[in-house]
Amino acid sequence: MEFLKNSKDFFKDLRLDTALNEMLCDAREFPDEMDIPANFEFTKPSHRVRRRNVNFNYEAREDLIEDPTLKYKAEFYFFTLDKAINALESRSDLISTHSNYFQFLYNICDIKDTLKTTN
């Protein structure tokens, strides 16, 4: 249980912008060592992006993210971290409910010892 909690806290700390910036700075060191350019390439979709009509005032127009770093942050980094955090939360919930139901089985040897001492 403690390991799942620590893992979940670790991933939540990675979700901060400072952790992403530190990770990107560390990742820029590798291309410098290999003498290759360290940049995100922006790939434009090969098809025309469909624009939806805005029918109501509360609807906003969905604009494409132009900056490759922001696109990586929004579409890959946070998406992956959110999936990992949700998976850890669901598993920790399952383990905690299982632990609540079957807690007495975890200490079955202790129960035998207490029964012997009471008799």
Protein backbone atom coordinates (compact mmCIF):
# COMPACT_ATOMS: atom_id res chain seq x y z
CA MET A 1 0.00 0.00 0.00
CA GLU A 2 2.81 2.37 0.88
CA PHE A 3 4.55 1.67 -2.44
CA LEU A 4 1.40 2.54 -4.43
CA LYS A 5 0.93 5.73 -2.43
CA ASN A 6 4.56 6.75 -2.98
CA SER A 7 4.31 5.96 -6.69
CA LYS A 8 1.13 8.01 -7.02
CA ASP A 9 2.77 10.94 -5.22
CA PHE A 10 5.80 10.64 -7.49
CA PHE A 11 3.65 10.85 -10.63
CA LYS A 12 1.67 13.77 -9.22
CA ASP A 13 4.94 15.59 -8.58
CA LEU A 14 5.98 14.88 -12.17
CA ARG A 15 2.79 16.55 -13.37
CA LEU A 16 4.07 19.95 -12.25
CA ASP A 17 5.51 22.30 -14.86
CA THR A 18 8.82 22.53 -13.00
CA ALA A 19 9.32 18.77 -13.28
CA LEU A 20 8.62 18.93 -17.02
CA ASN A 21 11.10 21.77 -17.47
CA GLU A 22 13.77 19.87 -15.52
CA MET A 23 13.11 16.78 -17.62
CA LEU A 24 13.39 18.76 -20.85
CA CYS A 25 16.67 20.33 -19.68
CA ASP A 26 18.05 16.90 -18.88
CA ALA A 27 16.85 15.61 -22.24
CA ARG A 28 18.66 18.43 -24.07
CA GLU A 29 22.00 17.19 -22.74
CA PHE A 30 21.87 13.95 -24.73
CA PRO A 31 21.62 15.55 -28.20
CA ASP A 32 24.45 17.92 -27.27
CA GLU A 33 26.67 14.94 -26.52
CA MET A 34 25.74 13.29 -29.82
CA ASP A 35 25.97 16.53 -31.86
CA ILE A 36 22.40 16.45 -33.15
CA PRO A 37 19.87 19.30 -32.96
CA ALA A 38 17.70 19.32 -29.86
CA ASN A 39 14.29 20.52 -30.98
CA PHE A 40 10.74 19.34 -31.29
CA GLU A 41 9.63 19.01 -34.86
CA PHE A 42 6.18 20.28 -35.62
CA THR A 43 4.36 17.92 -37.92
CA LYS A 44 1.38 19.35 -39.68
CA PRO A 45 -1.49 16.98 -40.36
CA SER A 46 -1.65 15.76 -43.93
CA HIS A 47 -5.38 16.35 -44.10
CA ARG A 48 -7.27 19.59 -43.74
CA VAL A 49 -8.33 20.22 -40.16
CA ARG A 50 -12.09 20.49 -39.95
CA ARG A 51 -13.44 23.58 -38.22
CA ARG A 52 -16.69 23.23 -36.34
CA ASN A 53 -19.25 25.99 -36.33
CA VAL A 54 -19.77 27.73 -33.00
CA ASN A 55 -23.49 27.69 -32.28
CA PHE A 56 -23.58 29.00 -28.74
CA ASN A 57 -21.71 31.67 -26.81
CA TYR A 58 -20.32 29.22 -24.26
CA GLU A 59 -18.64 27.12 -26.96
CA ALA A 60 -15.09 28.04 -27.80
CA ARG A 61 -13.26 27.52 -31.04
CA GLU A 62 -10.77 24.68 -30.88
CA ASP A 63 -7.45 26.04 -32.05
CA LEU A 64 -4.47 23.91 -32.93
CA ILE A 65 -1.45 24.10 -30.68
CA GLU A 66 1.30 25.71 -32.74
CA ASP A 67 4.24 25.36 -30.36
CA PRO A 68 5.75 21.85 -30.54
CA THR A 69 6.82 21.91 -26.88
CA LEU A 70 3.32 22.83 -25.71
CA LYS A 71 1.85 20.21 -28.03
CA TYR A 72 4.14 17.56 -26.52
CA LYS A 73 3.19 18.75 -23.03
CA ALA A 74 -0.56 18.68 -23.64
CA GLU A 75 -0.99 15.73 -25.97
CA PHE A 76 1.63 13.30 -24.72
CA TYR A 77 3.24 14.16 -21.38
CA PHE A 78 0.16 15.08 -19.34
CA PHE A 79 -1.94 12.45 -21.11
CA THR A 80 0.52 9.69 -20.20
CA LEU A 81 0.89 10.88 -16.61
CA ASP A 82 -2.88 11.11 -16.17
CA LYS A 83 -3.29 7.53 -17.40
CA ALA A 84 -0.62 6.32 -14.96
CA ILE A 85 -2.12 8.25 -12.03
CA ASN A 86 -5.63 6.96 -12.77
CA ALA A 87 -4.37 3.38 -13.03
CA LEU A 88 -2.51 3.67 -9.72
CA GLU A 89 -5.54 5.21 -8.00
CA SER A 90 -7.88 2.47 -9.21
CA ARG A 91 -5.46 -0.26 -8.15
CA SER A 92 -4.87 1.29 -4.75
CA ASP A 93 -8.64 1.51 -4.24
CA LEU A 94 -9.02 -2.16 -5.16
CA ILE A 95 -6.21 -3.22 -2.85
CA SER A 96 -7.55 -1.16 0.04
CA THR A 97 -11.05 -2.65 -0.30
CA HIS A 98 -9.55 -6.14 -0.54
CA SER A 99 -7.45 -5.40 2.52
CA ASN A 100 -10.50 -4.19 4.44
CA TYR A 101 -12.46 -7.34 3.62
CA PHE A 102 -9.71 -9.88 4.25
CA GLN A 103 -7.57 -8.17 6.88
CA PHE A 104 -8.06 -11.03 9.33
CA LEU A 105 -6.41 -13.48 6.91
CA TYR A 106 -3.19 -11.50 6.80
CA ASN A 107 -2.48 -12.30 10.44
CA ILE A 108 -3.72 -15.91 10.50
CA CYS A 109 -0.57 -17.11 12.29
CA ASP A 110 -1.14 -14.53 15.01
CA ILE A 111 -4.71 -15.76 15.44
CA LYS A 112 -3.47 -19.34 15.98
CA ASP A 113 -0.99 -18.12 18.60
CA THR A 114 -3.63 -16.11 20.45
CA LEU A 115 -5.99 -19.10 20.49
CA LYS A 116 -3.28 -21.31 21.99
CA THR A 117 -2.47 -18.79 24.71
CA THR A 118 -6.11 -18.30 25.67
CA ASN A 119 -6.76 -22.06 26.07
